[in-house]
Amino acid sequence: DGKGFIPVGSLNDETQFTGTFDGNGHTISGLTINRPDESGMALFGNVNGGTYRDVTITGSIEGYQNVGSLIGYSGSGNLTISDITSSVSIRSHRGYTGGLVAESPVPTTITDSHYTGNIIVTDDDENDANNIGGLVGTAGEIDISESSVASNITVSSDAGGIYHVGGLVGYANATLTLADSF
């Protein structure tokens, strides 16, 4: 059907991945998701916190909103991410978009993780293009260390506004702690 990979966990039917993902140093190459009308597009579309570590991801992902290479949405629990490298090209049509994580209002820790893909957000309806970041689009309490972004982020909006766009984090609505990250 040309839509590619179906994310693990779904915002549409509210199923969540719960647990730990350890990539054991492997690479997921050519991850392809082409679902421009669906939200929660990432390797893991909807998660209950958890630990995600030690994997490299390449490919391309397109979704409506809540688009990231690793996690689309984490709405409960604590989220821990370490040793993740992604060069996935990301395209979103609304916002809430991040290189690794699109949206995580729960306590989140990111360590030794890197994003080098490109992000394009094209809002072609009457909404705002907002909460877009190189690592995380929007977050609650977040702690980032020894992580980096080397990416182009391009945002356009036909009718709405453009706001909360950042190199590492687009928007944090609680404490943001950064150490040795750029």
C-alpha atoms as a PDB file:
ATOM      1  CA  ASP A   1       0.000   0.000   0.000  1.00  0.00           C
ATOM      2  CA  GLY A   2       3.062   2.279  -0.045  1.00  0.00           C
ATOM      3  CA  LYS A   3       2.597   3.390   3.571  1.00  0.00           C
ATOM      4  CA  GLY A   4       5.628   1.488   4.837  1.00  0.00           C
ATOM      5  CA  PHE A   5       6.284   0.403   8.408  1.00  0.00           C
ATOM      6  CA  ILE A   6       3.446   0.419  10.935  1.00  0.00           C
ATOM      7  CA  PRO A   7       4.754   2.034  14.151  1.00  0.00           C
ATOM      8  CA  VAL A   8       4.889  -0.022  17.344  1.00  0.00           C
ATOM      9  CA  GLY A   9       2.091   1.433  19.510  1.00  0.00           C
ATOM     10  CA  SER A  10      -0.558   3.714  18.050  1.00  0.00           C
ATOM     11  CA  LEU A  11      -2.091   7.071  18.944  1.00  0.00           C
ATOM     12  CA  ASN A  12      -5.099   6.168  16.797  1.00  0.00           C
ATOM     13  CA  ASP A  13      -6.185   3.155  18.846  1.00  0.00           C
ATOM     14  CA  GLU A  14      -4.333   4.229  22.016  1.00  0.00           C
ATOM     15  CA  THR A  15      -2.134   1.111  22.221  1.00  0.00           C
ATOM     16  CA  GLN A  16       1.200   1.754  23.930  1.00  0.00           C
ATOM     17  CA  PHE A  17       4.524  -0.033  23.827  1.00  0.00           C
ATOM     18  CA  THR A  18       5.612  -0.727  27.410  1.00  0.00           C
ATOM     19  CA  GLY A  19       9.066  -1.941  28.340  1.00  0.00           C
ATOM     20  CA  THR A  20      12.664  -1.701  27.208  1.00  0.00           C
ATOM     21  CA  PHE A  21      14.137  -1.595  23.718  1.00  0.00           C
ATOM     22  CA  ASP A  22      17.853  -2.424  23.473  1.00  0.00           C
ATOM     23  CA  GLY A  23      19.190  -2.262  19.926  1.00  0.00           C
ATOM     24  CA  ASN A  24      22.437  -3.992  20.977  1.00  0.00           C
ATOM     25  CA  GLY A  25      24.444  -1.691  18.699  1.00  0.00           C
ATOM     26  CA  HIS A  26      22.520  -2.692  15.563  1.00  0.00           C
ATOM     27  CA  THR A  27      21.327  -0.407  12.762  1.00  0.00           C
ATOM     28  CA  ILE A  28      17.753  -0.170  11.521  1.00  0.00           C
ATOM     29  CA  SER A  29      18.355   0.916   7.929  1.00  0.00           C
ATOM     30  CA  GLY A  30      15.844   2.260   5.503  1.00  0.00           C
ATOM     31  CA  LEU A  31      12.986   2.685   7.977  1.00  0.00           C
ATOM     32  CA  THR A  32      10.204   4.067   5.786  1.00  0.00           C
ATOM     33  CA  ILE A  33       6.872   5.439   6.976  1.00  0.00           C
ATOM     34  CA  ASN A  34       4.682   7.361   4.517  1.00  0.00           C
ATOM     35  CA  ARG A  35       1.447   8.207   6.347  1.00  0.00           C
ATOM     36  CA  PRO A  36       0.928  11.991   5.911  1.00  0.00           C
ATOM     37  CA  ASP A  37      -2.607  11.904   7.368  1.00  0.00           C
ATOM     38  CA  GLU A  38      -1.706   9.948  10.540  1.00  0.00           C
ATOM     39  CA  SER A  39      -0.177  11.060  13.850  1.00  0.00           C
ATOM     40  CA  GLY A  40       2.335   9.240  16.033  1.00  0.00           C
ATOM     41  CA  MET A  41       4.661   8.293  13.204  1.00  0.00           C
ATOM     42  CA  ALA A  42       7.999   6.934  14.471  1.00  0.00           C
ATOM     43  CA  LEU A  43       9.602   3.561  15.123  1.00  0.00           C
ATOM     44  CA  PHE A  44       7.513   3.621  18.327  1.00  0.00           C
ATOM     45  CA  GLY A  45       4.325   5.626  17.718  1.00  0.00           C
ATOM     46  CA  ASN A  46       2.963   5.626  21.286  1.00  0.00           C
ATOM     47  CA  VAL A  47       4.820   4.476  24.398  1.00  0.00           C
ATOM     48  CA  ASN A  48       4.341   4.223  28.140  1.00  0.00           C
ATOM     49  CA  GLY A  49       7.735   5.653  29.043  1.00  0.00           C
ATOM     50  CA  GLY A  50      10.438   3.003  29.188  1.00  0.00           C
ATOM     51  CA  THR A  51      14.087   2.714  28.235  1.00  0.00           C
ATOM     52  CA  TYR A  52      15.369   2.904  24.644  1.00  0.00           C
ATOM     53  CA  ARG A  53      19.072   2.457  23.921  1.00  0.00           C
ATOM     54  CA  ASP A  54      21.942   1.555  21.646  1.00  0.00           C
ATOM     55  CA  VAL A  55      20.578   1.708  18.097  1.00  0.00           C
ATOM     56  CA  THR A  56      21.217   3.644  14.890  1.00  0.00           C
ATOM     57  CA  ILE A  57      18.241   4.481  12.651  1.00  0.00           C
ATOM     58  CA  THR A  58      18.280   5.599   8.990  1.00  0.00           C
ATOM     59  CA  GLY A  59      15.428   6.203   6.557  1.00  0.00           C
ATOM     60  CA  SER A  60      12.516   8.589   6.060  1.00  0.00           C
ATOM     61  CA  ILE A  61       9.291   9.232   7.957  1.00  0.00           C
ATOM     62  CA  GLU A  62       6.284  11.353   6.985  1.00  0.00           C
ATOM     63  CA  GLY A  63       3.251  11.937   9.204  1.00  0.00           C
ATOM     64  CA  TYR A  64       0.704  14.562  10.168  1.00  0.00           C
ATOM     65  CA  GLN A  65       1.922  15.429  13.690  1.00  0.00           C
ATOM     66  CA  ASN A  66       3.748  13.720  16.565  1.00  0.00           C
ATOM     67  CA  VAL A  67       6.472  12.675  14.126  1.00  0.00           C
ATOM     68  CA  GLY A  68       9.953  11.598  15.239  1.00  0.00           C
ATOM     69  CA  SER A  69      12.471   8.937  14.293  1.00  0.00           C
ATOM     70  CA  LEU A  70      12.354   7.009  17.593  1.00  0.00           C
ATOM     71  CA  ILE A  71       9.170   7.996  19.499  1.00  0.00           C
ATOM     72  CA  GLY A  72       6.023   9.821  18.391  1.00  0.00           C
ATOM     73  CA  TYR A  73       4.385  10.219  21.812  1.00  0.00           C
ATOM     74  CA  SER A  74       5.181   9.199  25.384  1.00  0.00           C
ATOM     75  CA  GLY A  75       2.278  10.134  27.624  1.00  0.00           C
ATOM     76  CA  SER A  76       2.947   8.213  30.833  1.00  0.00           C
ATOM     77  CA  GLY A  77       5.814   6.783  32.890  1.00  0.00           C
ATOM     78  CA  ASN A  78       9.414   7.999  32.725  1.00  0.00           C
ATOM     79  CA  LEU A  79      11.262   8.031  29.407  1.00  0.00           C
ATOM     80  CA  THR A  80      14.993   7.222  29.218  1.00  0.00           C
ATOM     81  CA  ILE A  81      16.925   7.378  25.937  1.00  0.00           C
ATOM     82  CA  SER A  82      20.651   6.678  25.531  1.00  0.00           C
ATOM     83  CA  ASP A  83      23.122   5.918  22.754  1.00  0.00           C
ATOM     84  CA  ILE A  84      20.663   6.583  19.923  1.00  0.00           C
ATOM     85  CA  THR A  85      21.867   7.917  16.566  1.00  0.00           C
ATOM     86  CA  SER A  86      19.407   8.884  13.854  1.00  0.00           C
ATOM     87  CA  SER A  87      19.798  10.334  10.376  1.00  0.00           C
ATOM     88  CA  VAL A  88      16.131   9.809   9.438  1.00  0.00           C
ATOM     89  CA  SER A  89      14.620  12.489   7.190  1.00  0.00           C
ATOM     90  CA  ILE A  90      11.394  13.691   8.825  1.00  0.00           C
ATOM     91  CA  ARG A  91       8.412  15.442   7.261  1.00  0.00           C
ATOM     92  CA  SER A  92       5.395  16.624   9.256  1.00  0.00           C
ATOM     93  CA  HIS A  93       2.265  18.522   8.294  1.00  0.00           C
ATOM     94  CA  ARG A  94       1.441  20.199  11.613  1.00  0.00           C
ATOM     95  CA  GLY A  95       4.183  20.225  14.202  1.00  0.00           C
ATOM     96  CA  TYR A  96       4.906  18.405  17.445  1.00  0.00           C
ATOM     97  CA  THR A  97       7.914  17.043  15.617  1.00  0.00           C
ATOM     98  CA  GLY A  98      11.390  16.091  16.820  1.00  0.00           C
ATOM     99  CA  GLY A  99      14.463  14.375  15.431  1.00  0.00           C
ATOM    100  CA  LEU A 100      14.246  11.634  18.072  1.00  0.00           C
ATOM    101  CA  VAL A 101      11.072  12.293  20.087  1.00  0.00           C
ATOM    102  CA  ALA A 102       8.036  14.245  18.916  1.00  0.00           C
ATOM    103  CA  GLU A 103       6.208  14.756  22.227  1.00  0.00           C
ATOM    104  CA  SER A 104       6.957  13.658  25.777  1.00  0.00           C
ATOM    105  CA  PRO A 105       5.134  15.505  28.568  1.00  0.00           C
ATOM    106  CA  VAL A 106       6.562  12.978  31.079  1.00  0.00           C
ATOM    107  CA  PRO A 107       9.997  13.143  32.795  1.00  0.00           C
ATOM    108  CA  THR A 108      12.531  12.457  30.035  1.00  0.00           C
ATOM    109  CA  THR A 109      16.288  11.818  30.107  1.00  0.00           C
ATOM    110  CA  ILE A 110      18.365  11.780  26.911  1.00  0.00           C
ATOM    111  CA  THR A 111      22.068  10.854  27.059  1.00  0.00           C
ATOM    112  CA  ASP A 112      24.700  10.397  24.343  1.00  0.00           C
ATOM    113  CA  SER A 113      22.169  10.628  21.512  1.00  0.00           C
ATOM    114  CA  HIS A 114      22.513  12.371  18.168  1.00  0.00           C
ATOM    115  CA  TYR A 115      20.338  13.500  15.262  1.00  0.00           C
ATOM    116  CA  THR A 116      21.771  14.369  11.836  1.00  0.00           C
ATOM    117  CA  GLY A 117      18.736  14.107   9.540  1.00  0.00           C
ATOM    118  CA  ASN A 118      16.637  16.953   8.205  1.00  0.00           C
ATOM    119  CA  ILE A 119      13.211  18.065   9.438  1.00  0.00           C
ATOM    120  CA  ILE A 120      10.614  19.687   7.189  1.00  0.00           C
ATOM    121  CA  VAL A 121       7.313  20.888   8.632  1.00  0.00           C
ATOM    122  CA  THR A 122       4.810  22.218   6.117  1.00  0.00           C
ATOM    123  CA  ASP A 123       1.540  23.302   7.690  1.00  0.00           C
ATOM    124  CA  ASP A 124      -0.843  23.511   4.782  1.00  0.00           C
ATOM    125  CA  ASP A 125      -4.083  23.943   6.696  1.00  0.00           C
ATOM    126  CA  GLU A 126      -5.197  26.655   9.129  1.00  0.00           C
ATOM    127  CA  ASN A 127      -3.289  25.398  12.169  1.00  0.00           C
ATOM    128  CA  ASP A 128      -0.007  26.575  13.606  1.00  0.00           C
ATOM    129  CA  ALA A 129       3.308  24.857  12.929  1.00  0.00           C
ATOM    130  CA  ASN A 130       4.706  24.587  16.439  1.00  0.00           C
ATOM    131  CA  ASN A 131       6.792  22.601  18.940  1.00  0.00           C
ATOM    132  CA  ILE A 132       9.559  21.469  16.591  1.00  0.00           C
ATOM    133  CA  GLY A 133      13.043  20.538  17.799  1.00  0.00           C
ATOM    134  CA  GLY A 134      16.180  18.772  16.626  1.00  0.00           C
ATOM    135  CA  LEU A 135      16.013  16.170  19.414  1.00  0.00           C
ATOM    136  CA  VAL A 136      12.565  16.722  20.982  1.00  0.00           C
ATOM    137  CA  GLY A 137       9.568  18.670  19.686  1.00  0.00           C
ATOM    138  CA  THR A 138       7.818  19.254  23.005  1.00  0.00           C
ATOM    139  CA  ALA A 139       8.606  18.052  26.504  1.00  0.00           C
ATOM    140  CA  GLY A 140       7.715  18.332  30.134  1.00  0.00           C
ATOM    141  CA  GLU A 141      10.645  17.936  32.537  1.00  0.00           C
ATOM    142  CA  ILE A 142      13.694  17.017  30.440  1.00  0.00           C
ATOM    143  CA  ASP A 143      17.397  16.367  31.054  1.00  0.00           C
ATOM    144  CA  ILE A 144      19.722  16.222  28.030  1.00  0.00           C
ATOM    145  CA  SER A 145      23.439  15.446  28.255  1.00  0.00           C
ATOM    146  CA  GLU A 146      26.248  14.619  25.827  1.00  0.00           C
ATOM    147  CA  SER A 147      23.855  14.852  22.874  1.00  0.00           C
ATOM    148  CA  SER A 148      23.868  16.786  19.615  1.00  0.00           C
ATOM    149  CA  VAL A 149      21.960  17.916  16.555  1.00  0.00           C
ATOM    150  CA  ALA A 150      23.484  18.696  13.153  1.00  0.00           C
ATOM    151  CA  SER A 151      20.363  19.252  11.097  1.00  0.00           C
ATOM    152  CA  ASN A 152      18.405  21.612   8.913  1.00  0.00           C
ATOM    153  CA  ILE A 153      14.942  22.406  10.252  1.00  0.00           C
ATOM    154  CA  THR A 154      12.611  24.023   7.719  1.00  0.00           C
ATOM    155  CA  VAL A 155       9.168  25.242   8.809  1.00  0.00           C
ATOM    156  CA  SER A 156       6.427  26.907   6.768  1.00  0.00           C
ATOM    157  CA  SER A 157       2.759  27.669   7.436  1.00  0.00           C
ATOM    158  CA  ASP A 158       0.104  28.793   4.979  1.00  0.00           C
ATOM    159  CA  ALA A 159      -2.321  30.407   7.418  1.00  0.00           C
ATOM    160  CA  GLY A 160      -1.241  29.779  11.011  1.00  0.00           C
ATOM    161  CA  GLY A 161       1.751  30.926  13.011  1.00  0.00           C
ATOM    162  CA  ILE A 162       5.173  29.374  13.466  1.00  0.00           C
ATOM    163  CA  TYR A 163       6.489  29.170  17.019  1.00  0.00           C
ATOM    164  CA  HIS A 164       8.440  27.046  19.502  1.00  0.00           C
ATOM    165  CA  VAL A 165      11.157  25.900  17.104  1.00  0.00           C
ATOM    166  CA  GLY A 166      14.536  24.995  18.608  1.00  0.00           C
ATOM    167  CA  GLY A 167      17.816  23.308  17.756  1.00  0.00           C
ATOM    168  CA  LEU A 168      17.608  20.768  20.599  1.00  0.00           C
ATOM    169  CA  VAL A 169      14.083  21.220  22.035  1.00  0.00           C
ATOM    170  CA  GLY A 170      11.189  23.098  20.468  1.00  0.00           C
ATOM    171  CA  TYR A 171       9.238  23.657  23.694  1.00  0.00           C
ATOM    172  CA  ALA A 172       9.709  22.576  27.307  1.00  0.00           C
ATOM    173  CA  ASN A 173       6.839  23.326  29.683  1.00  0.00           C
ATOM    174  CA  ALA A 174       8.817  22.379  32.808  1.00  0.00           C
ATOM    175  CA  THR A 175      12.484  22.195  33.837  1.00  0.00           C
ATOM    176  CA  LEU A 176      14.976  21.831  30.977  1.00  0.00           C
ATOM    177  CA  THR A 177      18.518  20.798  31.961  1.00  0.00           C
ATOM    178  CA  LEU A 178      21.293  20.765  29.338  1.00  0.00           C
ATOM    179  CA  ALA A 179      24.876  19.544  29.788  1.00  0.00           C
ATOM    180  CA  ASP A 180      27.581  19.121  27.137  1.00  0.00           C
ATOM    181  CA  SER A 181      25.015  19.228  24.333  1.00  0.00           C
ATOM    182  CA  PHE A 182      24.799  21.289  21.174  1.00  0.00           C
END
